[in-house]
Amino acid sequence: MTSAAAAKILAFRQAQTPPLSQLDLALRYGVSRWAVHGWEQLGKQPRLRIMLKLQEQGICSCEDWTLPATREQLAALDLAA
């Protein structure tokens, strides 16, 4: 299951000009590229301090980690199953 947070992070990366890679986002938050991959693709959750930073910057809320992505979010990202 893809979380709402994962969909929002991926959408945020893709909406930047130019789009951010997982590595670019990882460097901004002081984590590894594999951490970002885990958030987006494997259902992993970041540490609380990272969740709070993502929330402060309006990317996703802490609650989004517990919610499934909507069909609309998945369709917008071409992740619909």
N, C-alpha and C. Protein backbone atom coordinates (compact mmCIF):
# COMPACT_ATOMS: atom_id res chain seq x y z
N MET A 1 0.84 -1.17 0.00
CA MET A 1 0.00 0.00 0.00
C MET A 1 0.89 1.25 0.00
N THR A 2 0.59 2.15 -0.88
CA THR A 2 1.29 3.42 -0.94
C THR A 2 0.59 4.40 -0.01
N SER A 3 1.35 5.02 0.87
CA SER A 3 0.76 5.98 1.80
C SER A 3 0.52 7.32 1.10
N ALA A 4 -0.38 8.10 1.68
CA ALA A 4 -0.63 9.45 1.16
C ALA A 4 0.66 10.26 1.20
N ALA A 5 1.47 10.07 2.25
CA ALA A 5 2.73 10.80 2.36
C ALA A 5 3.67 10.44 1.21
N ALA A 6 3.78 9.16 0.89
CA ALA A 6 4.65 8.73 -0.20
C ALA A 6 4.22 9.38 -1.51
N ALA A 7 2.91 9.38 -1.78
CA ALA A 7 2.40 9.99 -3.01
C ALA A 7 2.68 11.49 -3.04
N LYS A 8 2.52 12.15 -1.89
CA LYS A 8 2.75 13.59 -1.84
C LYS A 8 4.23 13.94 -2.00
N ILE A 9 5.11 13.13 -1.43
CA ILE A 9 6.55 13.38 -1.58
C ILE A 9 6.95 13.21 -3.04
N LEU A 10 6.49 12.15 -3.66
CA LEU A 10 6.81 11.93 -5.07
C LEU A 10 6.24 13.05 -5.94
N ALA A 11 5.00 13.46 -5.66
CA ALA A 11 4.40 14.56 -6.41
C ALA A 11 5.19 15.85 -6.22
N PHE A 12 5.64 16.11 -4.99
CA PHE A 12 6.45 17.29 -4.72
C PHE A 12 7.74 17.26 -5.53
N ARG A 13 8.41 16.13 -5.53
CA ARG A 13 9.67 16.02 -6.28
C ARG A 13 9.44 16.29 -7.76
N GLN A 14 8.38 15.70 -8.31
CA GLN A 14 8.11 15.83 -9.74
C GLN A 14 7.65 17.24 -10.12
N ALA A 15 7.08 17.97 -9.18
CA ALA A 15 6.56 19.31 -9.47
C ALA A 15 7.63 20.39 -9.48
N GLN A 16 8.82 20.07 -8.99
CA GLN A 16 9.90 21.07 -8.96
C GLN A 16 10.46 21.27 -10.36
N THR A 17 11.04 22.45 -10.58
CA THR A 17 11.66 22.76 -11.86
C THR A 17 13.13 23.02 -11.66
N PRO A 18 14.01 22.16 -12.13
CA PRO A 18 13.72 20.85 -12.70
C PRO A 18 13.29 19.88 -11.60
N PRO A 19 12.68 18.75 -11.98
CA PRO A 19 12.25 17.78 -10.97
C PRO A 19 13.44 17.33 -10.10
N LEU A 20 13.15 17.11 -8.83
CA LEU A 20 14.19 16.64 -7.90
C LEU A 20 14.32 15.13 -8.00
N SER A 21 15.54 14.65 -7.96
CA SER A 21 15.77 13.21 -7.86
C SER A 21 15.62 12.80 -6.40
N GLN A 22 15.57 11.50 -6.17
CA GLN A 22 15.54 11.03 -4.78
C GLN A 22 16.80 11.50 -4.05
N LEU A 23 17.93 11.50 -4.74
CA LEU A 23 19.17 11.96 -4.12
C LEU A 23 19.09 13.44 -3.75
N ASP A 24 18.55 14.27 -4.64
CA ASP A 24 18.40 15.70 -4.34
C ASP A 24 17.58 15.91 -3.07
N LEU A 25 16.46 15.20 -2.96
CA LEU A 25 15.61 15.34 -1.78
C LEU A 25 16.34 14.82 -0.55
N ALA A 26 17.04 13.71 -0.71
CA ALA A 26 17.78 13.13 0.40
C ALA A 26 18.82 14.11 0.95
N LEU A 27 19.52 14.79 0.06
CA LEU A 27 20.53 15.75 0.50
C LEU A 27 19.91 16.91 1.26
N ARG A 28 18.73 17.34 0.86
CA ARG A 28 18.03 18.43 1.57
C ARG A 28 17.67 18.06 3.00
N TYR A 29 17.42 16.78 3.22
CA TYR A 29 16.96 16.33 4.54
C TYR A 29 18.01 15.55 5.33
N GLY A 30 19.19 15.43 4.78
CA GLY A 30 20.27 14.77 5.51
C GLY A 30 20.07 13.27 5.68
N VAL A 31 19.48 12.66 4.67
CA VAL A 31 19.27 11.21 4.70
C VAL A 31 19.85 10.61 3.41
N SER A 32 19.83 9.31 3.30
CA SER A 32 20.33 8.66 2.09
C SER A 32 19.26 8.60 1.02
N ARG A 33 19.69 8.43 -0.21
CA ARG A 33 18.76 8.24 -1.31
C ARG A 33 17.90 7.03 -1.06
N TRP A 34 18.48 6.01 -0.42
CA TRP A 34 17.73 4.78 -0.13
C TRP A 34 16.63 5.04 0.90
N ALA A 35 16.83 6.01 1.77
CA ALA A 35 15.78 6.37 2.73
C ALA A 35 14.57 6.94 1.98
N VAL A 36 14.83 7.84 1.03
CA VAL A 36 13.75 8.43 0.24
C VAL A 36 13.06 7.33 -0.57
N HIS A 37 13.83 6.45 -1.16
CA HIS A 37 13.26 5.32 -1.91
C HIS A 37 12.35 4.50 -0.99
N GLY A 38 12.80 4.26 0.23
CA GLY A 38 11.99 3.50 1.19
C GLY A 38 10.68 4.19 1.52
N TRP A 39 10.71 5.52 1.66
CA TRP A 39 9.48 6.26 1.95
C TRP A 39 8.50 6.15 0.78
N GLU A 40 9.03 6.32 -0.43
CA GLU A 40 8.16 6.36 -1.61
C GLU A 40 7.70 4.98 -2.08
N GLN A 41 8.54 4.00 -1.98
CA GLN A 41 8.25 2.72 -2.62
C GLN A 41 8.04 1.53 -1.66
N LEU A 42 8.58 1.61 -0.46
CA LEU A 42 8.57 0.44 0.41
C LEU A 42 7.72 0.59 1.66
N GLY A 43 7.04 1.71 1.79
CA GLY A 43 6.19 1.91 2.96
C GLY A 43 6.93 2.23 4.24
N LYS A 44 8.19 2.62 4.12
CA LYS A 44 8.97 3.00 5.30
C LYS A 44 8.58 4.39 5.76
N GLN A 45 8.78 4.65 7.04
CA GLN A 45 8.51 5.98 7.59
C GLN A 45 9.82 6.60 8.07
N PRO A 46 9.96 7.90 7.86
CA PRO A 46 11.18 8.57 8.33
C PRO A 46 11.14 8.78 9.85
N ARG A 47 12.26 9.18 10.38
CA ARG A 47 12.30 9.55 11.80
C ARG A 47 11.40 10.76 12.02
N LEU A 48 10.99 10.95 13.25
CA LEU A 48 10.05 12.01 13.59
C LEU A 48 10.55 13.38 13.17
N ARG A 49 11.83 13.66 13.35
CA ARG A 49 12.34 14.99 12.98
C ARG A 49 12.19 15.25 11.49
N ILE A 50 12.32 14.22 10.67
CA ILE A 50 12.14 14.37 9.23
C ILE A 50 10.65 14.55 8.91
N MET A 51 9.80 13.76 9.58
CA MET A 51 8.35 13.93 9.38
C MET A 51 7.94 15.36 9.68
N LEU A 52 8.47 15.90 10.77
CA LEU A 52 8.11 17.26 11.16
C LEU A 52 8.62 18.29 10.16
N LYS A 53 9.82 18.07 9.62
CA LYS A 53 10.35 18.99 8.60
C LYS A 53 9.48 18.95 7.34
N LEU A 54 9.08 17.75 6.92
CA LEU A 54 8.22 17.62 5.74
C LEU A 54 6.88 18.32 5.98
N GLN A 55 6.39 18.19 7.20
CA GLN A 55 5.12 18.85 7.54
C GLN A 55 5.28 20.37 7.56
N GLU A 56 6.36 20.86 8.19
CA GLU A 56 6.60 22.30 8.27
C GLU A 56 6.71 22.93 6.88
N GLN A 57 7.24 22.18 5.94
CA GLN A 57 7.43 22.71 4.59
C GLN A 57 6.22 22.47 3.70
N GLY A 58 5.17 21.90 4.26
CA GLY A 58 3.92 21.72 3.52
C GLY A 58 3.93 20.60 2.51
N ILE A 59 4.88 19.70 2.62
CA ILE A 59 4.97 18.60 1.66
C ILE A 59 3.97 17.50 2.01
N CYS A 60 3.93 17.10 3.26
CA CYS A 60 2.96 16.13 3.73
C CYS A 60 2.83 16.28 5.24
N SER A 61 1.70 15.83 5.78
CA SER A 61 1.50 15.91 7.23
C SER A 61 1.96 14.62 7.89
N CYS A 62 2.14 14.67 9.18
CA CYS A 62 2.50 13.45 9.92
C CYS A 62 1.39 12.40 9.78
N GLU A 63 0.16 12.85 9.73
CA GLU A 63 -0.97 11.93 9.59
C GLU A 63 -0.96 11.21 8.24
N ASP A 64 -0.43 11.85 7.21
CA ASP A 64 -0.39 11.24 5.88
C ASP A 64 0.34 9.90 5.85
N TRP A 65 1.24 9.69 6.79
CA TRP A 65 1.98 8.43 6.83
C TRP A 65 1.09 7.26 7.21
N THR A 66 -0.04 7.55 7.84
CA THR A 66 -0.95 6.49 8.29
C THR A 66 -2.12 6.28 7.34
N LEU A 67 -2.23 7.13 6.32
CA LEU A 67 -3.36 7.07 5.39
C LEU A 67 -2.93 6.50 4.04
N PRO A 68 -3.80 5.71 3.41
CA PRO A 68 -3.46 5.23 2.06
C PRO A 68 -3.60 6.36 1.05
N ALA A 69 -2.83 6.30 0.00
CA ALA A 69 -2.96 7.27 -1.08
C ALA A 69 -4.31 7.07 -1.74
N THR A 70 -4.91 8.15 -2.20
CA THR A 70 -6.18 8.06 -2.90
C THR A 70 -5.95 7.58 -4.33
N ARG A 71 -7.00 7.12 -4.96
CA ARG A 71 -6.89 6.72 -6.37
C ARG A 71 -6.45 7.89 -7.23
N GLU A 72 -6.94 9.08 -6.88
CA GLU A 72 -6.57 10.27 -7.64
C GLU A 72 -5.07 10.57 -7.53
N GLN A 73 -4.54 10.43 -6.31
CA GLN A 73 -3.10 10.66 -6.12
C GLN A 73 -2.29 9.64 -6.92
N LEU A 74 -2.70 8.39 -6.85
CA LEU A 74 -1.98 7.34 -7.57
C LEU A 74 -2.08 7.53 -9.09
N ALA A 75 -3.27 7.89 -9.56
CA ALA A 75 -3.45 8.10 -11.00
C ALA A 75 -2.59 9.26 -11.48
N ALA A 76 -2.51 10.32 -10.70
CA ALA A 76 -1.71 11.48 -11.08
C ALA A 76 -0.23 11.13 -11.19
N LEU A 77 0.18 10.11 -10.45
CA LEU A 77 1.59 9.70 -10.45
C LEU A 77 1.82 8.46 -11.30
N ASP A 78 0.79 8.01 -12.01
CA ASP A 78 0.86 6.78 -12.81
C ASP A 78 1.21 5.57 -11.97
N LEU A 79 0.67 5.51 -10.73
CA LEU A 79 0.93 4.39 -9.83
C LEU A 79 -0.31 3.54 -9.61
N ALA A 80 -1.39 3.84 -10.31
CA ALA A 80 -2.64 3.10 -10.12
C ALA A 80 -2.42 1.63 -10.49
N ALA A 81 -2.95 0.78 -9.64
CA ALA A 81 -2.76 -0.66 -9.86
C ALA A 81 -3.89 -1.23 -10.69
